[in-house]
C-alpha atoms as a PDB file:
ATOM      1  CA  MET A   1     149.511  53.182 113.316  1.00  0.00           C
ATOM      2  CA  PRO A   2     149.325  52.549 109.558  1.00  0.00           C
ATOM      3  CA  SER A   3     152.691  52.178 107.846  1.00  0.00           C
ATOM      4  CA  LEU A   4     154.236  55.006 105.852  1.00  0.00           C
ATOM      5  CA  VAL A   5     153.575  53.184 102.582  1.00  0.00           C
ATOM      6  CA  SER A   6     149.888  52.723 103.384  1.00  0.00           C
ATOM      7  CA  ARG A   7     149.622  56.412 104.285  1.00  0.00           C
ATOM      8  CA  LEU A   8     151.038  57.284 100.849  1.00  0.00           C
ATOM      9  CA  VAL A   9     148.504  55.161  98.944  1.00  0.00           C
ATOM     10  CA  PRO A  10     145.720  57.809  99.161  1.00  0.00           C
ATOM     11  CA  LEU A  11     148.102  60.369  97.665  1.00  0.00           C
ATOM     12  CA  TYR A  12     148.810  57.998  94.787  1.00  0.00           C
ATOM     13  CA  ILE A  13     145.095  57.411  94.215  1.00  0.00           C
ATOM     14  CA  ARG A  14     144.391  61.125  94.026  1.00  0.00           C
ATOM     15  CA  ALA A  15     147.466  61.881  91.894  1.00  0.00           C
ATOM     16  CA  THR A  16     146.486  59.254  89.315  1.00  0.00           C
ATOM     17  CA  GLY A  17     142.781  60.186  89.335  1.00  0.00           C
ATOM     18  CA  ARG A  18     141.692  56.644  90.136  1.00  0.00           C
ATOM     19  CA  GLN A  19     138.750  57.921  92.196  1.00  0.00           C
ATOM     20  CA  ARG A  20     137.246  60.068  89.427  1.00  0.00           C
ATOM     21  CA  LEU A  21     135.310  57.325  87.652  1.00  0.00           C
ATOM     22  CA  LEU A  22     133.378  56.460  90.813  1.00  0.00           C
ATOM     23  CA  ALA A  23     132.937  60.049  91.963  1.00  0.00           C
ATOM     24  CA  ASP A  24     131.180  61.312  88.825  1.00  0.00           C
ATOM     25  CA  ALA A  25     127.985  59.741  87.459  1.00  0.00           C
ATOM     26  CA  ALA A  26     128.383  61.409  84.061  1.00  0.00           C
ATOM     27  CA  ARG A  27     131.929  60.075  83.733  1.00  0.00           C
ATOM     28  CA  ALA A  28     130.692  56.593  84.658  1.00  0.00           C
ATOM     29  CA  ARG A  29     127.962  56.736  82.008  1.00  0.00           C
ATOM     30  CA  ARG A  30     130.546  57.774  79.391  1.00  0.00           C
ATOM     31  CA  HIS A  31     132.649  54.802  80.421  1.00  0.00           C
ATOM     32  CA  LEU A  32     129.709  52.472  79.781  1.00  0.00           C
ATOM     33  CA  ASP A  33     129.140  54.025  76.363  1.00  0.00           C
ATOM     34  CA  GLU A  34     132.789  53.833  75.353  1.00  0.00           C
ATOM     35  CA  ALA A  35     133.824  50.527  76.921  1.00  0.00           C
ATOM     36  CA  PRO A  36     132.671  48.313  74.020  1.00  0.00           C
ATOM     37  CA  LEU A  37     134.609  50.533  71.598  1.00  0.00           C
ATOM     38  CA  ARG A  38     137.839  50.564  73.633  1.00  0.00           C
ATOM     39  CA  PRO A  39     138.061  47.318  75.599  1.00  0.00           C
ATOM     40  CA  GLU A  40     140.786  47.076  78.219  1.00  0.00           C
ATOM     41  CA  SER A  41     143.518  44.462  78.110  1.00  0.00           C
ATOM     42  CA  TYR A  42     142.915  41.510  80.431  1.00  0.00           C
ATOM     43  CA  GLY A  43     145.915  39.290  79.735  1.00  0.00           C
ATOM     44  CA  PRO A  44     148.442  38.449  82.451  1.00  0.00           C
ATOM     45  CA  PRO A  45     151.585  40.567  82.823  1.00  0.00           C
ATOM     46  CA  ALA A  46     154.559  39.482  80.759  1.00  0.00           C
ATOM     47  CA  ARG A  47     156.448  38.558  83.917  1.00  0.00           C
ATOM     48  CA  LEU A  48     154.765  36.620  86.670  1.00  0.00           C
ATOM     49  CA  ARG A  49     156.488  34.287  89.088  1.00  0.00           C
ATOM     50  CA  ARG A  50     158.815  31.789  87.433  1.00  0.00           C
ATOM     51  CA  ASP A  51     157.545  29.055  89.715  1.00  0.00           C
ATOM     52  CA  VAL A  52     154.001  29.304  88.302  1.00  0.00           C
ATOM     53  CA  ARG A  53     152.651  27.823  85.086  1.00  0.00           C
ATOM     54  CA  LEU A  54     149.851  29.644  83.235  1.00  0.00           C
ATOM     55  CA  GLU A  55     147.354  28.162  80.795  1.00  0.00           C
ATOM     56  CA  ARG A  56     144.316  29.578  79.018  1.00  0.00           C
ATOM     57  CA  THR A  57     141.117  27.907  77.899  1.00  0.00           C
ATOM     58  CA  ASP A  58     137.907  29.476  76.616  1.00  0.00           C
ATOM     59  CA  ARG A  59     134.463  28.893  78.036  1.00  0.00           C
ATOM     60  CA  GLY A  60     132.186  30.310  75.358  1.00  0.00           C
ATOM     61  CA  THR A  61     133.178  33.960  75.166  1.00  0.00           C
ATOM     62  CA  TRP A  62     134.984  33.863  78.542  1.00  0.00           C
ATOM     63  CA  PRO A  63     138.766  33.469  78.616  1.00  0.00           C
ATOM     64  CA  VAL A  64     139.622  31.360  81.669  1.00  0.00           C
ATOM     65  CA  TYR A  65     143.197  31.228  82.977  1.00  0.00           C
ATOM     66  CA  THR A  66     144.602  28.571  85.289  1.00  0.00           C
ATOM     67  CA  LEU A  67     147.719  29.149  87.371  1.00  0.00           C
ATOM     68  CA  THR A  68     149.491  26.132  88.900  1.00  0.00           C
ATOM     69  CA  PRO A  69     152.765  25.637  90.764  1.00  0.00           C
ATOM     70  CA  ARG A  70     155.434  24.714  88.228  1.00  0.00           C
ATOM     71  CA  ASP A  71     157.470  22.181  90.183  1.00  0.00           C
ATOM     72  CA  THR A  72     154.952  20.511  92.495  1.00  0.00           C
ATOM     73  CA  PRO A  73     151.550  18.893  91.925  1.00  0.00           C
ATOM     74  CA  ALA A  74     148.622  21.243  92.504  1.00  0.00           C
ATOM     75  CA  ARG A  75     146.078  20.205  95.114  1.00  0.00           C
ATOM     76  CA  GLY A  76     142.597  21.682  95.228  1.00  0.00           C
ATOM     77  CA  THR A  77     141.334  24.750  93.366  1.00  0.00           C
ATOM     78  CA  LEU A  78     140.583  28.392  94.096  1.00  0.00           C
ATOM     79  CA  VAL A  79     138.288  30.184  91.650  1.00  0.00           C
ATOM     80  CA  TYR A  80     139.275  33.852  91.996  1.00  0.00           C
ATOM     81  CA  VAL A  81     137.045  36.675  90.728  1.00  0.00           C
ATOM     82  CA  HIS A  82     138.702  40.071  90.261  1.00  0.00           C
ATOM     83  CA  GLY A  83     137.259  43.416  91.323  1.00  0.00           C
ATOM     84  CA  GLY A  84     136.897  46.659  89.415  1.00  0.00           C
ATOM     85  CA  ALA A  85     133.367  47.963  90.085  1.00  0.00           C
ATOM     86  CA  TRP A  86     131.966  45.440  87.566  1.00  0.00           C
ATOM     87  CA  ALA A  87     133.330  47.819  84.890  1.00  0.00           C
ATOM     88  CA  ARG A  88     137.150  47.534  84.946  1.00  0.00           C
ATOM     89  CA  GLU A  89     139.330  44.647  83.860  1.00  0.00           C
ATOM     90  CA  ILE A  90     141.630  42.526  85.947  1.00  0.00           C
ATOM     91  CA  ALA A  91     144.783  44.383  86.999  1.00  0.00           C
ATOM     92  CA  ARG A  92     148.413  43.477  87.621  1.00  0.00           C
ATOM     93  CA  GLN A  93     147.815  43.326  91.389  1.00  0.00           C
ATOM     94  CA  HIS A  94     145.164  40.642  90.927  1.00  0.00           C
ATOM     95  CA  TRP A  95     147.497  38.549  88.798  1.00  0.00           C
ATOM     96  CA  GLN A  96     150.298  38.894  91.338  1.00  0.00           C
ATOM     97  CA  LEU A  97     148.059  37.751  94.188  1.00  0.00           C
ATOM     98  CA  CYS A  98     146.775  34.778  92.200  1.00  0.00           C
ATOM     99  CA  ALA A  99     150.313  33.754  91.258  1.00  0.00           C
ATOM    100  CA  ARG A 100     151.425  33.961  94.874  1.00  0.00           C
ATOM    101  CA  ILE A 101     148.510  31.810  96.011  1.00  0.00           C
ATOM    102  CA  ALA A 102     149.241  29.186  93.359  1.00  0.00           C
ATOM    103  CA  ALA A 103     152.942  28.991  94.235  1.00  0.00           C
ATOM    104  CA  GLU A 104     152.829  29.299  98.003  1.00  0.00           C
ATOM    105  CA  ALA A 105     149.563  27.488  98.758  1.00  0.00           C
ATOM    106  CA  GLY A 106     150.396  24.732  96.277  1.00  0.00           C
ATOM    107  CA  THR A 107     147.011  24.933  94.568  1.00  0.00           C
ATOM    108  CA  ARG A 108     145.546  25.728  91.173  1.00  0.00           C
ATOM    109  CA  VAL A 109     143.952  29.153  90.781  1.00  0.00           C
ATOM    110  CA  VAL A 110     141.261  29.551  88.137  1.00  0.00           C
ATOM    111  CA  VAL A 111     140.778  33.138  86.968  1.00  0.00           C
ATOM    112  CA  PRO A 112     137.676  33.745  84.822  1.00  0.00           C
ATOM    113  CA  ILE A 113     137.672  36.892  82.686  1.00  0.00           C
ATOM    114  CA  TYR A 114     133.981  37.593  83.030  1.00  0.00           C
ATOM    115  CA  PRO A 115     132.116  40.096  80.822  1.00  0.00           C
ATOM    116  CA  LEU A 116     131.936  43.589  82.285  1.00  0.00           C
ATOM    117  CA  VAL A 117     129.012  45.981  82.262  1.00  0.00           C
ATOM    118  CA  PRO A 118     127.147  46.823  80.149  1.00  0.00           C
ATOM    119  CA  ARG A 119     127.538  43.391  78.521  1.00  0.00           C
ATOM    120  CA  GLY A 120     127.920  41.358  81.688  1.00  0.00           C
ATOM    121  CA  THR A 121     125.137  41.177  84.262  1.00  0.00           C
ATOM    122  CA  ALA A 122     124.800  39.623  87.704  1.00  0.00           C
ATOM    123  CA  ALA A 123     122.446  36.793  86.761  1.00  0.00           C
ATOM    124  CA  GLU A 124     124.709  35.383  84.046  1.00  0.00           C
ATOM    125  CA  VAL A 125     128.066  35.983  85.701  1.00  0.00           C
ATOM    126  CA  VAL A 126     127.178  34.641  89.149  1.00  0.00           C
ATOM    127  CA  ASP A 127     125.681  31.452  87.705  1.00  0.00           C
ATOM    128  CA  THR A 128     128.688  30.846  85.443  1.00  0.00           C
ATOM    129  CA  VAL A 129     131.159  31.369  88.290  1.00  0.00           C
ATOM    130  CA  ALA A 130     129.135  28.890  90.359  1.00  0.00           C
ATOM    131  CA  ASP A 131     129.369  26.414  87.450  1.00  0.00           C
ATOM    132  CA  LEU A 132     133.154  26.828  87.352  1.00  0.00           C
ATOM    133  CA  VAL A 133     133.387  26.088  91.076  1.00  0.00           C
ATOM    134  CA  GLU A 134     131.223  22.981  90.731  1.00  0.00           C
ATOM    135  CA  GLU A 135     133.313  21.730  87.819  1.00  0.00           C
ATOM    136  CA  ALA A 136     136.559  22.341  89.707  1.00  0.00           C
ATOM    137  CA  ARG A 137     135.287  20.345  92.677  1.00  0.00           C
ATOM    138  CA  ALA A 138     134.164  17.465  90.453  1.00  0.00           C
ATOM    139  CA  GLU A 139     137.576  17.312  88.768  1.00  0.00           C
ATOM    140  CA  HIS A 140     139.996  18.202  91.556  1.00  0.00           C
ATOM    141  CA  GLY A 141     138.274  17.748  94.922  1.00  0.00           C
ATOM    142  CA  ARG A 142     138.696  20.529  97.468  1.00  0.00           C
ATOM    143  CA  VAL A 143     137.540  23.905  96.202  1.00  0.00           C
ATOM    144  CA  ALA A 144     137.319  27.524  97.293  1.00  0.00           C
ATOM    145  CA  VAL A 145     135.992  30.710  95.776  1.00  0.00           C
ATOM    146  CA  GLY A 146     137.375  34.179  96.388  1.00  0.00           C
ATOM    147  CA  GLY A 147     137.380  37.724  95.129  1.00  0.00           C
ATOM    148  CA  ASP A 148     137.963  41.350  95.955  1.00  0.00           C
ATOM    149  CA  SER A 149     135.498  44.247  95.931  1.00  0.00           C
ATOM    150  CA  ALA A 150     133.005  43.604  93.093  1.00  0.00           C
ATOM    151  CA  GLY A 151     134.647  40.208  92.680  1.00  0.00           C
ATOM    152  CA  GLY A 152     133.952  39.538  96.343  1.00  0.00           C
ATOM    153  CA  GLN A 153     130.278  40.185  95.702  1.00  0.00           C
ATOM    154  CA  ILE A 154     130.313  37.732  92.798  1.00  0.00           C
ATOM    155  CA  ALA A 155     132.215  35.129  94.835  1.00  0.00           C
ATOM    156  CA  LEU A 156     129.850  35.280  97.820  1.00  0.00           C
ATOM    157  CA  SER A 157     126.782  35.294  95.556  1.00  0.00           C
ATOM    158  CA  ALA A 158     128.191  32.216  93.784  1.00  0.00           C
ATOM    159  CA  ALA A 159     128.691  30.461  97.140  1.00  0.00           C
ATOM    160  CA  LEU A 160     125.042  31.165  98.029  1.00  0.00           C
ATOM    161  CA  THR A 161     123.941  29.940  94.587  1.00  0.00           C
ATOM    162  CA  LEU A 162     125.828  26.680  95.066  1.00  0.00           C
ATOM    163  CA  ARG A 163     124.278  26.183  98.503  1.00  0.00           C
ATOM    164  CA  ASP A 164     120.831  26.732  96.970  1.00  0.00           C
ATOM    165  CA  ARG A 165     121.646  24.108  94.327  1.00  0.00           C
ATOM    166  CA  GLY A 166     122.238  21.615  97.126  1.00  0.00           C
ATOM    167  CA  ALA A 167     126.025  21.514  96.812  1.00  0.00           C
ATOM    168  CA  ALA A 168     128.185  20.644  99.805  1.00  0.00           C
ATOM    169  CA  PRO A 169     129.763  23.612 101.625  1.00  0.00           C
ATOM    170  CA  LEU A 170     132.885  25.009  99.998  1.00  0.00           C
ATOM    171  CA  ASP A 171     136.202  24.441 101.739  1.00  0.00           C
ATOM    172  CA  ALA A 172     136.785  28.203 101.900  1.00  0.00           C
ATOM    173  CA  THR A 173     135.327  31.487 100.685  1.00  0.00           C
ATOM    174  CA  VAL A 174     137.845  34.342 100.765  1.00  0.00           C
ATOM    175  CA  LEU A 175     136.587  37.909 100.449  1.00  0.00           C
ATOM    176  CA  LEU A 176     138.731  41.052 100.233  1.00  0.00           C
ATOM    177  CA  SER A 177     136.693  44.210 100.963  1.00  0.00           C
ATOM    178  CA  PRO A 178     133.585  42.707  99.391  1.00  0.00           C
ATOM    179  CA  ALA A 179     130.668  44.815  98.174  1.00  0.00           C
ATOM    180  CA  VAL A 180     127.769  42.966  99.785  1.00  0.00           C
ATOM    181  CA  ASP A 181     124.776  45.342  99.689  1.00  0.00           C
ATOM    182  CA  LEU A 182     124.607  47.266  96.423  1.00  0.00           C
ATOM    183  CA  ALA A 183     121.918  49.615  97.686  1.00  0.00           C
ATOM    184  CA  LEU A 184     124.803  51.399  99.461  1.00  0.00           C
ATOM    185  CA  ASP A 185     122.279  52.902 101.857  1.00  0.00           C
ATOM    186  CA  ASN A 186     123.786  51.883 105.186  1.00  0.00           C
ATOM    187  CA  PRO A 187     123.807  55.136 107.226  1.00  0.00           C
ATOM    188  CA  GLN A 188     127.267  54.251 108.553  1.00  0.00           C
ATOM    189  CA  ILE A 189     128.641  54.764 105.026  1.00  0.00           C
ATOM    190  CA  ASP A 190     128.117  58.509 105.424  1.00  0.00           C
ATOM    191  CA  LEU A 191     130.446  58.438 108.443  1.00  0.00           C
ATOM    192  CA  VAL A 192     133.171  56.537 106.593  1.00  0.00           C
ATOM    193  CA  GLN A 193     132.925  58.375 103.255  1.00  0.00           C
ATOM    194  CA  PRO A 194     135.027  61.435 104.273  1.00  0.00           C
ATOM    195  CA  SER A 195     137.985  59.169 105.079  1.00  0.00           C
ATOM    196  CA  ASP A 196     137.704  56.991 101.938  1.00  0.00           C
ATOM    197  CA  PRO A 197     139.849  58.542  99.172  1.00  0.00           C
ATOM    198  CA  TRP A 198     138.841  56.000  96.556  1.00  0.00           C
ATOM    199  CA  LEU A 199     135.222  54.835  96.545  1.00  0.00           C
ATOM    200  CA  GLU A 200     132.230  57.114  96.075  1.00  0.00           C
ATOM    201  CA  ARG A 201     128.600  56.409  95.337  1.00  0.00           C
ATOM    202  CA  PRO A 202     127.620  58.561  92.293  1.00  0.00           C
ATOM    203  CA  GLY A 203     129.544  56.608  89.656  1.00  0.00           C
ATOM    204  CA  THR A 204     129.251  53.337  91.521  1.00  0.00           C
ATOM    205  CA  HIS A 205     125.442  53.550  91.379  1.00  0.00           C
ATOM    206  CA  VAL A 206     125.653  53.853  87.579  1.00  0.00           C
ATOM    207  CA  PHE A 207     127.643  50.637  87.315  1.00  0.00           C
ATOM    208  CA  ILE A 208     125.401  48.851  89.815  1.00  0.00           C
ATOM    209  CA  ALA A 209     122.292  49.712  87.785  1.00  0.00           C
ATOM    210  CA  ALA A 210     123.862  48.165  84.674  1.00  0.00           C
ATOM    211  CA  TRP A 211     125.156  45.173  86.621  1.00  0.00           C
ATOM    212  CA  ARG A 212     121.879  44.168  88.262  1.00  0.00           C
ATOM    213  CA  ALA A 213     119.854  44.737  85.058  1.00  0.00           C
ATOM    214  CA  ASP A 214     116.363  43.366  85.801  1.00  0.00           C
ATOM    215  CA  LEU A 215     117.199  41.912  89.204  1.00  0.00           C
ATOM    216  CA  PRO A 216     116.101  43.788  92.336  1.00  0.00           C
ATOM    217  CA  LEU A 217     118.783  45.245  94.563  1.00  0.00           C
ATOM    218  CA  ASP A 218     117.974  42.787  97.352  1.00  0.00           C
ATOM    219  CA  ASP A 219     118.404  39.697  95.164  1.00  0.00           C
ATOM    220  CA  PRO A 220     121.320  37.696  96.667  1.00  0.00           C
ATOM    221  CA  ARG A 221     122.924  37.501  93.208  1.00  0.00           C
ATOM    222  CA  VAL A 222     123.242  41.294  93.450  1.00  0.00           C
ATOM    223  CA  SER A 223     123.464  41.950  97.192  1.00  0.00           C
ATOM    224  CA  PRO A 224     124.539  38.769  98.990  1.00  0.00           C
ATOM    225  CA  LEU A 225     124.009  40.436 102.368  1.00  0.00           C
ATOM    226  CA  HIS A 226     120.293  39.749 101.784  1.00  0.00           C
ATOM    227  CA  GLY A 227     120.885  36.021 101.433  1.00  0.00           C
ATOM    228  CA  ASP A 228     120.508  33.277 104.012  1.00  0.00           C
ATOM    229  CA  PHE A 229     123.982  32.180 105.138  1.00  0.00           C
ATOM    230  CA  THR A 230     122.888  28.917 106.739  1.00  0.00           C
ATOM    231  CA  GLY A 231     124.987  26.014 105.495  1.00  0.00           C
ATOM    232  CA  LEU A 232     127.866  28.006 104.006  1.00  0.00           C
ATOM    233  CA  GLY A 233     131.411  26.821 104.514  1.00  0.00           C
ATOM    234  CA  PRO A 234     133.982  28.946 106.366  1.00  0.00           C
ATOM    235  CA  LEU A 235     134.443  32.585 105.391  1.00  0.00           C
ATOM    236  CA  THR A 236     137.710  34.521 105.499  1.00  0.00           C
ATOM    237  CA  ILE A 237     137.132  38.266 105.157  1.00  0.00           C
ATOM    238  CA  THR A 238     139.481  41.250 105.179  1.00  0.00           C
ATOM    239  CA  GLY A 239     138.517  44.919 105.459  1.00  0.00           C
ATOM    240  CA  GLY A 240     139.794  48.363 106.351  1.00  0.00           C
ATOM    241  CA  THR A 241     138.231  51.199 108.301  1.00  0.00           C
ATOM    242  CA  ARG A 242     138.743  53.775 105.502  1.00  0.00           C
ATOM    243  CA  ASP A 243     136.492  51.876 103.107  1.00  0.00           C
ATOM    244  CA  ILE A 244     132.804  52.546 102.498  1.00  0.00           C
ATOM    245  CA  CYS A 245     132.313  48.778 102.077  1.00  0.00           C
ATOM    246  CA  MET A 246     133.295  48.269 105.728  1.00  0.00           C
ATOM    247  CA  PRO A 247     129.905  48.993 107.399  1.00  0.00           C
ATOM    248  CA  ASP A 248     128.121  46.371 105.315  1.00  0.00           C
ATOM    249  CA  THR A 249     131.019  43.947 105.758  1.00  0.00           C
ATOM    250  CA  ARG A 250     130.471  44.164 109.519  1.00  0.00           C
ATOM    251  CA  LEU A 251     126.795  43.321 108.977  1.00  0.00           C
ATOM    252  CA  LEU A 252     127.830  40.350 106.834  1.00  0.00           C
ATOM    253  CA  VAL A 253     130.150  39.050 109.552  1.00  0.00           C
ATOM    254  CA  ALA A 254     127.426  39.337 112.189  1.00  0.00           C
ATOM    255  CA  ALA A 255     124.772  37.701 110.007  1.00  0.00           C
ATOM    256  CA  ALA A 256     127.020  34.820 108.968  1.00  0.00           C
ATOM    257  CA  ARG A 257     128.071  34.098 112.550  1.00  0.00           C
ATOM    258  CA  ALA A 258     124.436  34.218 113.669  1.00  0.00           C
ATOM    259  CA  ALA A 259     123.702  31.574 111.011  1.00  0.00           C
ATOM    260  CA  GLY A 260     126.376  29.302 112.455  1.00  0.00           C
ATOM    261  CA  VAL A 261     129.042  29.988 109.826  1.00  0.00           C
ATOM    262  CA  GLU A 262     132.707  30.005 110.835  1.00  0.00           C
ATOM    263  CA  VAL A 263     134.033  33.509 110.075  1.00  0.00           C
ATOM    264  CA  ASP A 264     137.633  34.725 110.207  1.00  0.00           C
ATOM    265  CA  TYR A 265     137.339  38.527 109.928  1.00  0.00           C
ATOM    266  CA  ARG A 266     140.361  40.812 109.979  1.00  0.00           C
ATOM    267  CA  GLU A 267     139.628  44.530 109.951  1.00  0.00           C
ATOM    268  CA  GLU A 268     142.684  46.786 109.711  1.00  0.00           C
ATOM    269  CA  PRO A 269     142.476  50.283 111.243  1.00  0.00           C
ATOM    270  CA  GLY A 270     143.392  53.036 108.796  1.00  0.00           C
ATOM    271  CA  GLN A 271     143.482  50.766 105.750  1.00  0.00           C
ATOM    272  CA  LEU A 272     141.744  51.403 102.433  1.00  0.00           C
ATOM    273  CA  HIS A 273     139.621  49.326 100.107  1.00  0.00           C
ATOM    274  CA  VAL A 274     141.271  46.025  99.045  1.00  0.00           C
ATOM    275  CA  HIS A 275     144.390  46.783 101.092  1.00  0.00           C
ATOM    276  CA  PRO A 276     145.729  43.205 100.628  1.00  0.00           C
ATOM    277  CA  LEU A 277     146.466  44.222  97.027  1.00  0.00           C
ATOM    278  CA  HIS A 278     148.562  47.230  98.095  1.00  0.00           C
ATOM    279  CA  PRO A 279     152.398  47.115  98.246  1.00  0.00           C
ATOM    280  CA  SER A 280     152.440  47.868 101.968  1.00  0.00           C
ATOM    281  CA  PRO A 281     153.417  45.921 105.082  1.00  0.00           C
ATOM    282  CA  GLU A 282     149.717  45.592 105.919  1.00  0.00           C
ATOM    283  CA  GLY A 283     149.018  44.272 102.432  1.00  0.00           C
ATOM    284  CA  ARG A 284     151.826  41.719 102.674  1.00  0.00           C
ATOM    285  CA  ARG A 285     150.609  40.497 106.066  1.00  0.00           C
ATOM    286  CA  ALA A 286     147.076  40.128 104.721  1.00  0.00           C
ATOM    287  CA  GLN A 287     148.323  38.138 101.732  1.00  0.00           C
ATOM    288  CA  GLU A 288     150.347  35.843 103.989  1.00  0.00           C
ATOM    289  CA  HIS A 289     147.219  35.134 105.999  1.00  0.00           C
ATOM    290  CA  ILE A 290     145.138  34.448 102.885  1.00  0.00           C
ATOM    291  CA  VAL A 291     147.782  32.087 101.507  1.00  0.00           C
ATOM    292  CA  GLY A 292     147.882  30.247 104.841  1.00  0.00           C
ATOM    293  CA  VAL A 293     144.102  29.880 104.958  1.00  0.00           C
ATOM    294  CA  LEU A 294     143.970  28.473 101.442  1.00  0.00           C
ATOM    295  CA  ARG A 295     146.932  26.170 101.986  1.00  0.00           C
ATOM    296  CA  ALA A 296     145.199  24.652 105.008  1.00  0.00           C
ATOM    297  CA  ALA A 297     141.760  24.483 103.357  1.00  0.00           C
ATOM    298  CA  LEU A 298     142.822  23.096  99.985  1.00  0.00           C
ATOM    299  CA  THR A 299     146.033  21.157 100.512  1.00  0.00           C
ATOM    300  CA  GLY A 300     146.279  20.501 104.262  1.00  0.00           C
END
């Protein structure tokens, strides 16, 4: 049975109105119109872990942050791409997860602040994230890419892009409730939707249209489920049964395994979208597993 804390998360989502942007297409379109006029803050919280060092560089117009363990040498690199429906900035929970990975896995974590819709689009962002991963491997050796939700889509699309460039398989790809088919037309979604208190399709479709721009929905840079998974490195994927991304995640797991890819999939009954970011026992267990996977892949 889900913990008490995890059962309270839906109440918090509804009380704070966090679902409204994705539930209402008109509200989503207003967000696109107003976002350039009122950009959200993306900087790290004032207080992260004391055992982590934080540095910023700029790659063109992209701020790029690197988190490293303060007292031990960093080994390997994770490039982590935050979620937010391609329209919302990185949040405190993302920073906290990245800091924990840096400290406890003993690795560097590169966090690109990519441009959001309507300015950012899939073609540019996916290719640039792939470039960052290639550069990290050339400089530091072992490398992984990861992300949650929309960031999971970008991370998996970047892994496919690197494979298509002829790059060696990544040491790990870590996906938290990834959005992998942006058509959102899997009939199983209709069965999950009544139990998902957070994600809905009307507003999400608005952001997806801006994100894909001129690319078709089945382009792997938009919907990585339509890619060929042959030759990818190992995948670690988390999901919850109260998440409309779950049906397509199951298809991803099946397709990747059929292509010979090693897949570690953990689906938690009763859990919501990106539950590893939630302050619940289930979230803490998921984070511990992710840290362990990355420690073994990048520093073991």
